[in-house]
C-alpha cells in the first residue's frame, strides 16, 4: 500500500491518496478543498481513483468532493449517520458561517465493518462516533495502517463541541475500538498537530495526555 499526503484547504486538512502499487487503483481520503494539486498528484502517480472517502462529513474535510467527482468520475462515500445528520441545514449552519457551502451528497454510505477494496488493497470501516455521529477510521490489518480522521491525532484527540459531537463518546470510541489494535499500528490523522505527522497506537497509549487513564 502506497500513501501520498497533501495538506489542503483553509483548515489544513490532511488529504491522503492511498493506492495499490500493483494495480494503481486507489482512493482519496478527506479532500478538504478543490485543490488542483490533488488531481496533479493522482495523474503523476498514474492512479485510477475508485472512491472518494470521508472520515466524517465536516465541511473542511469534504469541500473538494464535488470537484474531484467531476474530474475523476469517482463516487463519494461517507458513514450513514453523517450523511443523514448534515442534511439538516441547522446541523450544517456553523460550517456555512465559516464560508463553506452545503455538503456533497454521498453516492453511497457505509457502516461499521464494511470493506472498501481497491486493487489488491482494502480499508475496513471502524465507526468511531464522538467527533461527529458518523466519524469513522479506515484500517488495514495487513499493513497495520489506520486513518483516524479527526478522532485521534498525534498526542491529541478531536474536538467534540461541534454539532453532533460528544466528547465522552469519542473517548470511548478510541478506548474500545482503536487502542485495542496492535501497538505498532501506524496512524495517519486528519490534521498535522505538533512536531510529528504520524504516530502509532503504542506511542499514543504512552504519550497522548488525553488517553493516559487507559
N, C-alpha and C. Protein backbone atom coordinates (compact mmCIF):
# COMPACT_ATOMS: atom_id res chain seq x y z
N UNK A 1 0.84 -1.19 0.00
CA UNK A 1 0.00 0.00 0.00
C UNK A 1 0.88 1.25 0.00
N UNK A 2 0.58 2.17 -0.91
CA UNK A 2 1.30 3.42 -1.00
C UNK A 2 0.40 4.56 -0.53
N UNK A 3 1.02 5.55 0.13
CA UNK A 3 0.26 6.67 0.70
C UNK A 3 0.96 7.98 0.33
N UNK A 4 0.19 8.89 -0.24
CA UNK A 4 0.67 10.24 -0.52
C UNK A 4 -0.22 11.22 0.25
N UNK A 5 0.40 12.22 0.88
CA UNK A 5 -0.36 13.19 1.67
C UNK A 5 -0.20 14.59 1.11
N UNK A 6 -1.33 15.32 1.07
CA UNK A 6 -1.32 16.73 0.72
C UNK A 6 -2.08 17.49 1.81
N UNK A 7 -1.57 18.64 2.22
CA UNK A 7 -2.28 19.49 3.17
C UNK A 7 -3.12 20.48 2.36
N UNK A 8 -4.43 20.45 2.54
CA UNK A 8 -5.32 21.23 1.68
C UNK A 8 -6.34 22.03 2.49
N UNK A 9 -6.82 23.10 1.89
CA UNK A 9 -7.92 23.86 2.46
C UNK A 9 -7.50 24.84 3.53
N UNK A 10 -8.41 25.76 3.88
CA UNK A 10 -8.10 26.79 4.87
C UNK A 10 -7.84 26.25 6.27
N UNK A 11 -8.37 25.07 6.58
CA UNK A 11 -8.13 24.47 7.89
C UNK A 11 -7.06 23.39 7.85
N UNK A 12 -6.31 23.34 6.75
CA UNK A 12 -5.13 22.48 6.61
C UNK A 12 -5.43 21.02 6.95
N UNK A 13 -6.31 20.45 6.15
CA UNK A 13 -6.69 19.05 6.30
C UNK A 13 -5.66 18.15 5.63
N UNK A 14 -5.39 17.01 6.24
CA UNK A 14 -4.54 16.01 5.62
C UNK A 14 -5.38 15.19 4.64
N UNK A 15 -5.13 15.40 3.36
CA UNK A 15 -5.80 14.63 2.32
C UNK A 15 -4.84 13.53 1.87
N UNK A 16 -5.33 12.29 1.85
CA UNK A 16 -4.47 11.16 1.51
C UNK A 16 -4.90 10.51 0.20
N UNK A 17 -3.93 10.23 -0.64
CA UNK A 17 -4.13 9.39 -1.81
C UNK A 17 -3.52 8.03 -1.46
N UNK A 18 -4.35 7.01 -1.41
CA UNK A 18 -3.92 5.68 -0.96
C UNK A 18 -4.17 4.71 -2.11
N UNK A 19 -3.15 3.94 -2.48
CA UNK A 19 -3.33 3.11 -3.66
C UNK A 19 -2.51 1.83 -3.61
N UNK A 20 -2.93 0.90 -4.46
CA UNK A 20 -2.23 -0.37 -4.62
C UNK A 20 -1.14 -0.20 -5.67
N UNK A 21 0.12 -0.41 -5.31
CA UNK A 21 1.20 -0.20 -6.29
C UNK A 21 1.14 -1.20 -7.46
N UNK A 22 0.55 -2.36 -7.22
CA UNK A 22 0.49 -3.36 -8.28
C UNK A 22 -0.52 -2.99 -9.37
N UNK A 23 -1.69 -2.51 -8.96
CA UNK A 23 -2.75 -2.24 -9.92
C UNK A 23 -2.96 -0.75 -10.19
N UNK A 24 -2.39 0.10 -9.33
CA UNK A 24 -2.56 1.56 -9.40
C UNK A 24 -4.02 2.00 -9.19
N UNK A 25 -4.85 1.14 -8.61
CA UNK A 25 -6.17 1.58 -8.17
C UNK A 25 -6.05 2.16 -6.78
N UNK A 26 -6.85 3.19 -6.47
CA UNK A 26 -6.73 3.81 -5.16
C UNK A 26 -7.96 4.58 -4.75
N UNK A 27 -7.84 5.21 -3.58
CA UNK A 27 -8.90 6.04 -3.03
C UNK A 27 -8.30 7.37 -2.58
N UNK A 28 -9.14 8.37 -2.46
CA UNK A 28 -8.75 9.65 -1.88
C UNK A 28 -9.52 9.82 -0.59
N UNK A 29 -8.81 10.12 0.49
CA UNK A 29 -9.43 10.29 1.81
C UNK A 29 -9.40 11.77 2.19
N UNK A 30 -10.56 12.31 2.54
CA UNK A 30 -10.70 13.67 3.09
C UNK A 30 -10.15 14.78 2.20
N UNK A 31 -10.76 14.98 1.03
CA UNK A 31 -10.36 16.10 0.19
C UNK A 31 -10.96 17.41 0.71
N UNK A 32 -10.19 18.14 1.48
CA UNK A 32 -10.70 19.32 2.16
C UNK A 32 -10.76 20.58 1.34
N UNK A 33 -10.47 20.47 0.04
CA UNK A 33 -10.52 21.65 -0.81
C UNK A 33 -10.49 21.21 -2.26
N UNK A 34 -11.03 22.06 -3.13
CA UNK A 34 -10.95 21.80 -4.57
C UNK A 34 -9.57 22.24 -5.05
N UNK A 35 -8.58 21.51 -4.61
CA UNK A 35 -7.19 21.85 -4.84
C UNK A 35 -6.66 21.11 -6.06
N UNK A 36 -6.25 21.81 -7.11
CA UNK A 36 -5.75 21.15 -8.32
C UNK A 36 -4.55 20.24 -8.06
N UNK A 37 -3.84 20.48 -6.98
CA UNK A 37 -2.69 19.62 -6.67
C UNK A 37 -3.09 18.17 -6.46
N UNK A 38 -4.33 17.95 -5.99
CA UNK A 38 -4.79 16.57 -5.79
C UNK A 38 -4.86 15.85 -7.13
N UNK A 39 -5.47 16.49 -8.12
CA UNK A 39 -5.56 15.90 -9.44
C UNK A 39 -4.17 15.73 -10.05
N UNK A 40 -3.34 16.74 -9.87
CA UNK A 40 -1.98 16.67 -10.42
C UNK A 40 -1.22 15.48 -9.84
N UNK A 41 -1.36 15.26 -8.54
CA UNK A 41 -0.65 14.15 -7.90
C UNK A 41 -1.21 12.81 -8.37
N UNK A 42 -2.54 12.73 -8.49
CA UNK A 42 -3.16 11.49 -8.99
C UNK A 42 -2.61 11.16 -10.38
N UNK A 43 -2.53 12.16 -11.25
CA UNK A 43 -2.03 11.94 -12.61
C UNK A 43 -0.55 11.58 -12.60
N UNK A 44 0.21 12.26 -11.74
CA UNK A 44 1.64 11.97 -11.64
C UNK A 44 1.89 10.53 -11.22
N UNK A 45 1.07 10.04 -10.29
CA UNK A 45 1.22 8.68 -9.79
C UNK A 45 0.59 7.64 -10.72
N UNK A 46 -0.26 8.10 -11.63
CA UNK A 46 -0.94 7.17 -12.52
C UNK A 46 -2.01 6.35 -11.83
N UNK A 47 -2.67 6.94 -10.84
CA UNK A 47 -3.65 6.22 -10.03
C UNK A 47 -5.05 6.35 -10.62
N UNK A 48 -5.76 5.25 -10.69
CA UNK A 48 -7.18 5.27 -11.03
C UNK A 48 -7.96 5.31 -9.72
N UNK A 49 -8.61 6.41 -9.44
CA UNK A 49 -9.34 6.58 -8.18
C UNK A 49 -10.71 5.92 -8.29
N UNK A 50 -10.97 4.95 -7.40
CA UNK A 50 -12.24 4.22 -7.46
C UNK A 50 -13.24 4.74 -6.44
N UNK A 51 -12.78 5.57 -5.47
CA UNK A 51 -13.71 6.12 -4.48
C UNK A 51 -13.06 7.31 -3.77
N UNK A 52 -13.92 8.23 -3.36
CA UNK A 52 -13.53 9.37 -2.53
C UNK A 52 -14.17 9.15 -1.18
N UNK A 53 -13.36 9.09 -0.13
CA UNK A 53 -13.85 8.71 1.20
C UNK A 53 -13.77 9.87 2.17
N UNK A 54 -14.81 10.02 2.98
CA UNK A 54 -14.79 10.97 4.07
C UNK A 54 -14.71 10.24 5.40
N UNK A 55 -13.70 10.58 6.21
CA UNK A 55 -13.68 10.02 7.56
C UNK A 55 -14.87 10.53 8.36
N UNK A 56 -15.34 11.72 7.97
CA UNK A 56 -16.56 12.30 8.53
C UNK A 56 -16.99 13.41 7.58
N UNK A 57 -18.17 13.97 7.82
CA UNK A 57 -18.75 14.90 6.85
C UNK A 57 -18.63 16.36 7.24
N UNK A 58 -17.72 16.70 8.15
CA UNK A 58 -17.47 18.12 8.41
C UNK A 58 -16.97 18.76 7.12
N UNK A 59 -17.45 19.98 6.88
CA UNK A 59 -17.21 20.62 5.59
C UNK A 59 -15.73 20.78 5.27
N UNK A 60 -14.90 20.99 6.27
CA UNK A 60 -13.47 21.20 5.98
C UNK A 60 -12.80 19.94 5.45
N UNK A 61 -13.45 18.78 5.60
CA UNK A 61 -12.88 17.53 5.11
C UNK A 61 -13.45 17.08 3.77
N UNK A 62 -14.55 17.67 3.36
CA UNK A 62 -15.20 17.20 2.13
C UNK A 62 -15.46 18.32 1.12
N UNK A 63 -14.87 19.48 1.35
CA UNK A 63 -15.13 20.63 0.47
C UNK A 63 -14.67 20.40 -0.96
N UNK A 64 -13.75 19.48 -1.18
CA UNK A 64 -13.27 19.21 -2.52
C UNK A 64 -13.94 18.06 -3.23
N UNK A 65 -14.95 17.48 -2.61
CA UNK A 65 -15.56 16.27 -3.16
C UNK A 65 -16.17 16.50 -4.54
N UNK A 66 -17.00 17.53 -4.68
CA UNK A 66 -17.68 17.75 -5.96
C UNK A 66 -16.67 17.99 -7.09
N UNK A 67 -15.63 18.72 -6.79
CA UNK A 67 -14.56 18.97 -7.77
C UNK A 67 -13.93 17.65 -8.22
N UNK A 68 -13.60 16.80 -7.26
CA UNK A 68 -12.96 15.53 -7.60
C UNK A 68 -13.91 14.58 -8.32
N UNK A 69 -15.17 14.61 -7.94
CA UNK A 69 -16.15 13.77 -8.63
C UNK A 69 -16.24 14.15 -10.11
N UNK A 70 -16.24 15.43 -10.38
CA UNK A 70 -16.30 15.87 -11.78
C UNK A 70 -15.05 15.46 -12.55
N UNK A 71 -13.90 15.63 -11.91
CA UNK A 71 -12.64 15.39 -12.60
C UNK A 71 -12.31 13.90 -12.73
N UNK A 72 -12.69 13.11 -11.73
CA UNK A 72 -12.25 11.72 -11.67
C UNK A 72 -13.36 10.71 -11.91
N UNK A 73 -14.61 11.18 -11.94
CA UNK A 73 -15.76 10.28 -12.13
C UNK A 73 -15.78 9.16 -11.08
N UNK A 74 -15.44 9.51 -9.85
CA UNK A 74 -15.40 8.54 -8.76
C UNK A 74 -16.50 8.85 -7.74
N UNK A 75 -17.11 7.84 -7.12
CA UNK A 75 -18.17 8.06 -6.14
C UNK A 75 -17.63 8.54 -4.80
N UNK A 76 -18.47 9.26 -4.08
CA UNK A 76 -18.15 9.75 -2.74
C UNK A 76 -18.87 8.90 -1.71
N UNK A 77 -18.13 8.41 -0.71
CA UNK A 77 -18.66 7.55 0.34
C UNK A 77 -18.39 8.17 1.70
N UNK A 78 -19.39 8.08 2.59
CA UNK A 78 -19.25 8.55 3.96
C UNK A 78 -20.17 7.72 4.84
N UNK A 79 -19.97 7.78 6.15
CA UNK A 79 -20.81 6.98 7.04
C UNK A 79 -22.26 7.44 6.98
N UNK A 80 -23.14 6.49 7.09
CA UNK A 80 -24.58 6.74 7.01
C UNK A 80 -25.05 7.81 7.98
N UNK A 81 -24.53 7.81 9.21
CA UNK A 81 -25.01 8.74 10.22
C UNK A 81 -24.63 10.19 9.90
N UNK A 82 -23.45 10.39 9.37
CA UNK A 82 -23.06 11.76 9.00
C UNK A 82 -23.82 12.24 7.78
N UNK A 83 -24.06 11.35 6.83
CA UNK A 83 -24.83 11.73 5.65
C UNK A 83 -26.23 12.21 6.08
N UNK A 84 -26.82 11.53 7.03
CA UNK A 84 -28.15 11.91 7.50
C UNK A 84 -28.10 13.17 8.35
N UNK A 85 -27.13 13.26 9.25
CA UNK A 85 -27.07 14.36 10.21
C UNK A 85 -26.86 15.70 9.51
N UNK A 86 -25.93 15.76 8.57
CA UNK A 86 -25.58 17.03 7.96
C UNK A 86 -26.46 17.41 6.77
N UNK A 87 -27.48 16.59 6.49
CA UNK A 87 -28.52 17.01 5.56
C UNK A 87 -29.36 18.13 6.15
N UNK A 88 -29.43 18.15 7.48
CA UNK A 88 -30.23 19.16 8.18
C UNK A 88 -29.50 20.50 8.14
N UNK A 89 -30.09 21.52 7.52
CA UNK A 89 -29.42 22.83 7.44
C UNK A 89 -29.02 23.38 8.80
N UNK A 90 -29.78 23.06 9.84
CA UNK A 90 -29.46 23.54 11.18
C UNK A 90 -28.15 22.94 11.67
N UNK A 91 -27.94 21.66 11.39
CA UNK A 91 -26.71 21.00 11.82
C UNK A 91 -25.49 21.47 11.02
N UNK A 92 -25.75 21.96 9.81
CA UNK A 92 -24.66 22.42 8.96
C UNK A 92 -24.37 23.91 9.10
N UNK A 93 -25.21 24.63 9.82
CA UNK A 93 -25.16 26.10 9.82
C UNK A 93 -23.82 26.65 10.28
N UNK A 94 -23.17 26.00 11.26
CA UNK A 94 -21.87 26.50 11.74
C UNK A 94 -20.84 26.52 10.61
N UNK A 95 -20.86 25.50 9.77
CA UNK A 95 -19.87 25.41 8.70
C UNK A 95 -20.15 26.46 7.62
N UNK A 96 -21.40 26.79 7.43
CA UNK A 96 -21.73 27.84 6.47
C UNK A 96 -21.18 29.18 6.95
N UNK A 97 -21.23 29.38 8.26
CA UNK A 97 -20.69 30.63 8.81
C UNK A 97 -19.17 30.71 8.65
N UNK A 98 -18.52 29.57 8.46
CA UNK A 98 -17.08 29.54 8.21
C UNK A 98 -16.75 29.71 6.73
N UNK A 99 -17.78 29.85 5.89
CA UNK A 99 -17.54 30.08 4.47
C UNK A 99 -17.74 28.87 3.59
N UNK A 100 -18.18 27.73 4.18
CA UNK A 100 -18.40 26.54 3.38
C UNK A 100 -19.85 26.51 2.89
N UNK A 101 -20.05 25.91 1.71
CA UNK A 101 -21.40 25.75 1.18
C UNK A 101 -21.96 24.41 1.66
N UNK A 102 -23.09 24.01 1.12
CA UNK A 102 -23.70 22.76 1.55
C UNK A 102 -22.80 21.57 1.25
N UNK A 103 -22.91 20.54 2.08
CA UNK A 103 -22.09 19.35 1.89
C UNK A 103 -22.50 18.56 0.65
N UNK A 104 -21.57 17.85 0.05
CA UNK A 104 -21.92 17.00 -1.08
C UNK A 104 -22.80 15.84 -0.63
N UNK A 105 -23.62 15.37 -1.54
CA UNK A 105 -24.47 14.20 -1.25
C UNK A 105 -23.66 12.93 -1.54
N UNK A 106 -23.72 12.00 -0.61
CA UNK A 106 -22.99 10.75 -0.79
C UNK A 106 -23.60 9.92 -1.91
N UNK A 107 -22.74 9.31 -2.71
CA UNK A 107 -23.20 8.35 -3.71
C UNK A 107 -23.50 7.00 -3.07
N UNK A 108 -22.82 6.75 -1.95
CA UNK A 108 -23.03 5.51 -1.20
C UNK A 108 -22.62 5.77 0.24
N UNK A 109 -23.34 5.17 1.17
CA UNK A 109 -22.97 5.29 2.58
C UNK A 109 -22.41 3.96 3.06
N UNK A 110 -21.56 4.03 4.08
CA UNK A 110 -21.01 2.80 4.65
C UNK A 110 -21.32 2.75 6.14
N UNK A 111 -21.09 1.58 6.72
CA UNK A 111 -21.31 1.37 8.14
C UNK A 111 -20.18 0.52 8.71
N UNK A 112 -20.19 0.35 10.01
CA UNK A 112 -19.17 -0.41 10.74
C UNK A 112 -18.89 -1.76 10.07
N UNK A 113 -17.60 -2.05 9.89
CA UNK A 113 -17.18 -3.36 9.43
C UNK A 113 -17.13 -3.55 7.93
N UNK A 114 -17.71 -2.63 7.17
CA UNK A 114 -17.65 -2.77 5.71
C UNK A 114 -16.22 -2.59 5.22
N UNK A 115 -15.94 -3.17 4.07
CA UNK A 115 -14.60 -3.14 3.50
C UNK A 115 -14.65 -2.44 2.14
N UNK A 116 -13.73 -1.50 1.95
CA UNK A 116 -13.60 -0.79 0.67
C UNK A 116 -12.34 -1.32 0.00
N UNK A 117 -12.51 -1.92 -1.17
CA UNK A 117 -11.40 -2.55 -1.87
C UNK A 117 -10.93 -1.69 -3.03
N UNK A 118 -9.62 -1.69 -3.24
CA UNK A 118 -9.04 -1.01 -4.40
C UNK A 118 -7.79 -1.77 -4.80
N UNK A 119 -7.83 -2.35 -6.00
CA UNK A 119 -6.73 -3.19 -6.44
C UNK A 119 -6.55 -4.36 -5.49
N UNK A 120 -5.32 -4.55 -5.03
CA UNK A 120 -5.04 -5.64 -4.10
C UNK A 120 -5.07 -5.17 -2.64
N UNK A 121 -5.56 -3.98 -2.42
CA UNK A 121 -5.61 -3.42 -1.07
C UNK A 121 -7.04 -3.20 -0.61
N UNK A 122 -7.18 -2.83 0.64
CA UNK A 122 -8.52 -2.60 1.21
C UNK A 122 -8.40 -1.73 2.45
N UNK A 123 -9.52 -1.13 2.82
CA UNK A 123 -9.65 -0.42 4.09
C UNK A 123 -10.95 -0.88 4.74
N UNK A 124 -10.86 -1.21 6.02
CA UNK A 124 -12.03 -1.65 6.78
C UNK A 124 -12.56 -0.48 7.61
N UNK A 125 -13.87 -0.32 7.64
CA UNK A 125 -14.50 0.77 8.36
C UNK A 125 -14.58 0.46 9.85
N UNK A 126 -14.06 1.37 10.67
CA UNK A 126 -14.25 1.32 12.12
C UNK A 126 -15.04 2.56 12.50
N UNK A 127 -16.26 2.39 12.92
CA UNK A 127 -17.11 3.53 13.27
C UNK A 127 -16.69 4.04 14.65
N UNK A 128 -16.27 5.30 14.72
CA UNK A 128 -15.77 5.88 15.97
C UNK A 128 -16.51 7.19 16.26
N UNK A 129 -17.78 7.11 16.62
CA UNK A 129 -18.56 8.33 16.85
C UNK A 129 -18.02 9.15 18.02
N UNK A 130 -18.31 10.45 17.97
CA UNK A 130 -17.89 11.35 19.04
C UNK A 130 -17.48 12.71 18.50
N UNK A 131 -16.58 12.70 17.53
CA UNK A 131 -16.25 13.97 16.86
C UNK A 131 -17.46 14.41 16.03
N UNK A 132 -18.10 13.45 15.43
CA UNK A 132 -19.39 13.62 14.75
C UNK A 132 -20.11 12.28 14.86
N UNK A 133 -21.41 12.24 14.56
CA UNK A 133 -22.13 10.97 14.71
C UNK A 133 -21.57 9.83 13.87
N UNK A 134 -21.10 10.17 12.66
CA UNK A 134 -20.62 9.13 11.76
C UNK A 134 -19.12 9.05 11.61
N UNK A 135 -18.37 9.73 12.46
CA UNK A 135 -16.91 9.69 12.35
C UNK A 135 -16.42 8.25 12.27
N UNK A 136 -15.52 8.02 11.34
CA UNK A 136 -15.02 6.66 11.11
C UNK A 136 -13.52 6.69 10.85
N UNK A 137 -12.89 5.57 11.18
CA UNK A 137 -11.48 5.37 10.86
C UNK A 137 -11.39 4.26 9.83
N UNK A 138 -10.33 4.29 9.03
CA UNK A 138 -10.13 3.31 7.97
C UNK A 138 -8.88 2.50 8.30
N UNK A 139 -9.04 1.17 8.37
CA UNK A 139 -8.00 0.31 8.91
C UNK A 139 -7.62 -0.78 7.92
N UNK A 140 -6.32 -1.00 7.80
CA UNK A 140 -5.79 -2.12 7.04
C UNK A 140 -4.95 -2.99 7.97
N UNK A 141 -5.47 -4.19 8.28
CA UNK A 141 -4.78 -5.08 9.22
C UNK A 141 -3.44 -5.55 8.69
N UNK A 142 -3.40 -5.85 7.37
CA UNK A 142 -2.20 -6.41 6.77
C UNK A 142 -1.00 -5.49 6.92
N UNK A 143 -1.21 -4.23 6.64
CA UNK A 143 -0.11 -3.26 6.70
C UNK A 143 -0.06 -2.51 8.04
N UNK A 144 -1.04 -2.76 8.90
CA UNK A 144 -1.13 -2.10 10.21
C UNK A 144 -1.14 -0.58 10.04
N UNK A 145 -2.10 -0.12 9.25
CA UNK A 145 -2.27 1.30 8.94
C UNK A 145 -3.67 1.73 9.31
N UNK A 146 -3.79 2.90 9.94
CA UNK A 146 -5.08 3.40 10.40
C UNK A 146 -5.19 4.89 10.08
N UNK A 147 -6.21 5.24 9.29
CA UNK A 147 -6.51 6.64 9.02
C UNK A 147 -7.57 7.08 10.03
N UNK A 148 -7.22 8.04 10.89
CA UNK A 148 -8.04 8.33 12.06
C UNK A 148 -8.90 9.58 11.94
N UNK A 149 -8.83 10.30 10.82
CA UNK A 149 -9.65 11.49 10.67
C UNK A 149 -9.42 12.46 11.81
N UNK A 150 -10.51 12.99 12.36
CA UNK A 150 -10.40 13.93 13.49
C UNK A 150 -10.77 13.27 14.81
N UNK A 151 -10.70 11.94 14.87
CA UNK A 151 -10.96 11.24 16.12
C UNK A 151 -9.70 11.20 16.98
N UNK A 152 -8.59 10.78 16.39
CA UNK A 152 -7.32 10.65 17.11
C UNK A 152 -6.22 11.34 16.34
N UNK A 153 -5.54 12.27 17.02
CA UNK A 153 -4.39 12.95 16.45
C UNK A 153 -3.11 12.46 17.14
N UNK A 154 -1.98 12.97 16.69
CA UNK A 154 -0.72 12.67 17.37
C UNK A 154 -0.70 13.44 18.68
N UNK A 155 -0.77 12.69 19.78
CA UNK A 155 -0.77 13.23 21.13
C UNK A 155 -1.92 14.21 21.38
N UNK A 156 -3.04 13.98 20.73
CA UNK A 156 -4.24 14.80 20.93
C UNK A 156 -5.45 14.02 20.45
N UNK A 157 -6.63 14.54 20.72
CA UNK A 157 -7.87 13.96 20.21
C UNK A 157 -8.68 15.07 19.57
N UNK A 158 -9.72 14.67 18.84
CA UNK A 158 -10.54 15.65 18.14
C UNK A 158 -11.40 16.47 19.08
N UNK A 159 -11.88 17.59 18.58
CA UNK A 159 -12.81 18.42 19.34
C UNK A 159 -14.19 17.77 19.28
N UNK A 160 -15.00 18.09 20.27
CA UNK A 160 -16.34 17.48 20.33
C UNK A 160 -17.42 18.52 20.58
N UNK A 161 -17.10 19.79 20.31
CA UNK A 161 -18.04 20.88 20.59
C UNK A 161 -18.78 21.35 19.35
N UNK A 162 -18.61 20.65 18.23
CA UNK A 162 -19.34 20.98 17.01
C UNK A 162 -20.65 20.20 16.98
N UNK A 163 -21.59 20.58 16.12
CA UNK A 163 -22.88 19.87 16.06
C UNK A 163 -22.70 18.36 15.93
N UNK A 164 -23.39 17.60 16.78
CA UNK A 164 -23.31 16.15 16.75
C UNK A 164 -22.15 15.57 17.52
N UNK A 165 -21.31 16.42 18.13
CA UNK A 165 -20.15 15.93 18.86
C UNK A 165 -20.48 15.50 20.28
N UNK A 166 -19.69 14.58 20.81
CA UNK A 166 -19.85 14.10 22.18
C UNK A 166 -18.48 13.63 22.66
N UNK A 167 -17.87 14.38 23.57
CA UNK A 167 -16.50 14.08 24.00
C UNK A 167 -16.38 12.69 24.63
N UNK A 168 -17.30 12.37 25.52
CA UNK A 168 -17.20 11.09 26.22
C UNK A 168 -17.40 9.92 25.26
N UNK A 169 -18.27 10.10 24.28
CA UNK A 169 -18.45 9.07 23.27
C UNK A 169 -17.19 8.91 22.42
N UNK A 170 -16.53 10.01 22.10
CA UNK A 170 -15.30 9.94 21.32
C UNK A 170 -14.20 9.20 22.08
N UNK A 171 -14.03 9.53 23.34
CA UNK A 171 -13.02 8.85 24.15
C UNK A 171 -13.33 7.36 24.26
N UNK A 172 -14.60 7.03 24.41
CA UNK A 172 -14.99 5.62 24.46
C UNK A 172 -14.68 4.92 23.14
N UNK A 173 -14.94 5.61 22.02
CA UNK A 173 -14.62 5.04 20.71
C UNK A 173 -13.13 4.74 20.61
N UNK A 174 -12.31 5.69 21.03
CA UNK A 174 -10.85 5.49 20.97
C UNK A 174 -10.44 4.33 21.86
N UNK A 175 -10.98 4.32 23.07
CA UNK A 175 -10.59 3.30 24.04
C UNK A 175 -10.98 1.90 23.57
N UNK A 176 -12.21 1.75 23.10
CA UNK A 176 -12.74 0.42 22.83
C UNK A 176 -12.48 -0.07 21.41
N UNK A 177 -12.20 0.86 20.48
CA UNK A 177 -12.06 0.43 19.09
C UNK A 177 -10.68 0.66 18.49
N UNK A 178 -9.93 1.64 19.03
CA UNK A 178 -8.62 1.94 18.46
C UNK A 178 -7.47 1.45 19.32
N UNK A 179 -7.56 1.64 20.61
CA UNK A 179 -6.45 1.23 21.49
C UNK A 179 -6.32 -0.28 21.60
N UNK A 180 -7.30 -1.01 21.10
CA UNK A 180 -7.22 -2.48 21.10
C UNK A 180 -6.44 -2.99 19.89
N UNK A 181 -6.13 -2.13 18.95
CA UNK A 181 -5.36 -2.54 17.77
C UNK A 181 -3.90 -2.76 18.15
N UNK A 182 -3.13 -3.49 17.34
CA UNK A 182 -1.72 -3.73 17.66
C UNK A 182 -0.96 -2.42 17.89
N UNK A 183 -0.05 -2.44 18.86
CA UNK A 183 0.69 -1.24 19.23
C UNK A 183 1.47 -0.63 18.07
N UNK A 184 1.89 -1.47 17.12
CA UNK A 184 2.70 -0.95 16.01
C UNK A 184 1.84 -0.48 14.84
N UNK A 185 0.53 -0.38 15.04
CA UNK A 185 -0.34 0.18 14.01
C UNK A 185 -0.02 1.65 13.83
N UNK A 186 0.29 2.05 12.59
CA UNK A 186 0.64 3.43 12.31
C UNK A 186 -0.60 4.25 12.04
N UNK A 187 -0.70 5.43 12.67
CA UNK A 187 -1.88 6.27 12.48
C UNK A 187 -1.56 7.46 11.57
N UNK A 188 -2.54 7.75 10.72
CA UNK A 188 -2.47 8.91 9.83
C UNK A 188 -3.68 9.79 10.14
N UNK A 189 -3.48 10.90 10.85
CA UNK A 189 -4.60 11.72 11.32
C UNK A 189 -5.11 12.71 10.27
N UNK A 190 -6.23 13.34 10.60
CA UNK A 190 -6.87 14.28 9.68
C UNK A 190 -6.26 15.66 9.67
N UNK A 191 -5.41 15.97 10.65
CA UNK A 191 -4.67 17.23 10.69
C UNK A 191 -3.30 16.94 11.28
N UNK A 192 -2.33 17.74 10.88
CA UNK A 192 -0.99 17.66 11.49
C UNK A 192 -0.93 18.61 12.67
N UNK A 193 -0.84 18.07 13.86
CA UNK A 193 -0.66 18.90 15.05
C UNK A 193 0.62 18.45 15.74
N UNK A 194 1.42 19.40 16.17
CA UNK A 194 2.65 19.04 16.86
C UNK A 194 3.79 18.77 15.89
N UNK A 195 4.87 18.25 16.42
CA UNK A 195 6.09 18.09 15.65
C UNK A 195 6.07 16.86 14.74
N UNK A 196 5.23 15.85 15.07
CA UNK A 196 5.24 14.60 14.32
C UNK A 196 3.97 14.47 13.48
N UNK A 197 4.10 14.14 12.20
CA UNK A 197 2.92 13.99 11.37
C UNK A 197 2.18 12.66 11.56
N UNK A 198 2.90 11.64 12.02
CA UNK A 198 2.28 10.33 12.26
C UNK A 198 2.74 9.79 13.60
N UNK A 199 2.09 8.70 13.99
CA UNK A 199 2.40 8.08 15.27
C UNK A 199 1.98 6.62 15.18
N UNK A 200 1.99 5.93 16.31
CA UNK A 200 1.47 4.56 16.39
C UNK A 200 0.51 4.46 17.56
N UNK A 201 -0.28 3.41 17.55
CA UNK A 201 -1.19 3.18 18.67
C UNK A 201 -0.41 3.06 19.97
N UNK A 202 0.72 2.35 19.94
CA UNK A 202 1.52 2.19 21.15
C UNK A 202 2.05 3.51 21.66
N UNK A 203 2.51 4.38 20.75
CA UNK A 203 3.02 5.69 21.15
C UNK A 203 1.91 6.55 21.74
N UNK A 204 0.71 6.43 21.17
CA UNK A 204 -0.41 7.21 21.71
C UNK A 204 -0.81 6.73 23.09
N UNK A 205 -0.78 5.44 23.32
CA UNK A 205 -1.06 4.91 24.65
C UNK A 205 -0.09 5.50 25.68
N UNK A 206 1.15 5.66 25.26
CA UNK A 206 2.21 6.11 26.17
C UNK A 206 2.27 7.62 26.31
N UNK A 207 2.01 8.34 25.20
CA UNK A 207 2.31 9.78 25.19
C UNK A 207 1.11 10.71 25.09
N UNK A 208 -0.04 10.19 24.69
CA UNK A 208 -1.20 11.06 24.49
C UNK A 208 -1.82 11.42 25.85
N UNK A 209 -1.77 12.69 26.26
CA UNK A 209 -2.26 13.05 27.60
C UNK A 209 -3.74 12.81 27.79
N UNK A 210 -4.52 12.74 26.71
CA UNK A 210 -5.95 12.50 26.82
C UNK A 210 -6.28 11.03 27.05
N UNK A 211 -5.26 10.17 26.85
CA UNK A 211 -5.51 8.73 26.92
C UNK A 211 -4.75 8.06 28.05
N UNK A 212 -4.08 8.81 28.88
CA UNK A 212 -3.23 8.22 29.90
C UNK A 212 -4.00 7.33 30.86
N UNK A 213 -5.26 7.67 31.11
CA UNK A 213 -6.04 6.88 32.06
C UNK A 213 -6.35 5.50 31.53
N UNK A 214 -6.13 5.28 30.23
CA UNK A 214 -6.43 3.99 29.64
C UNK A 214 -5.19 3.12 29.49
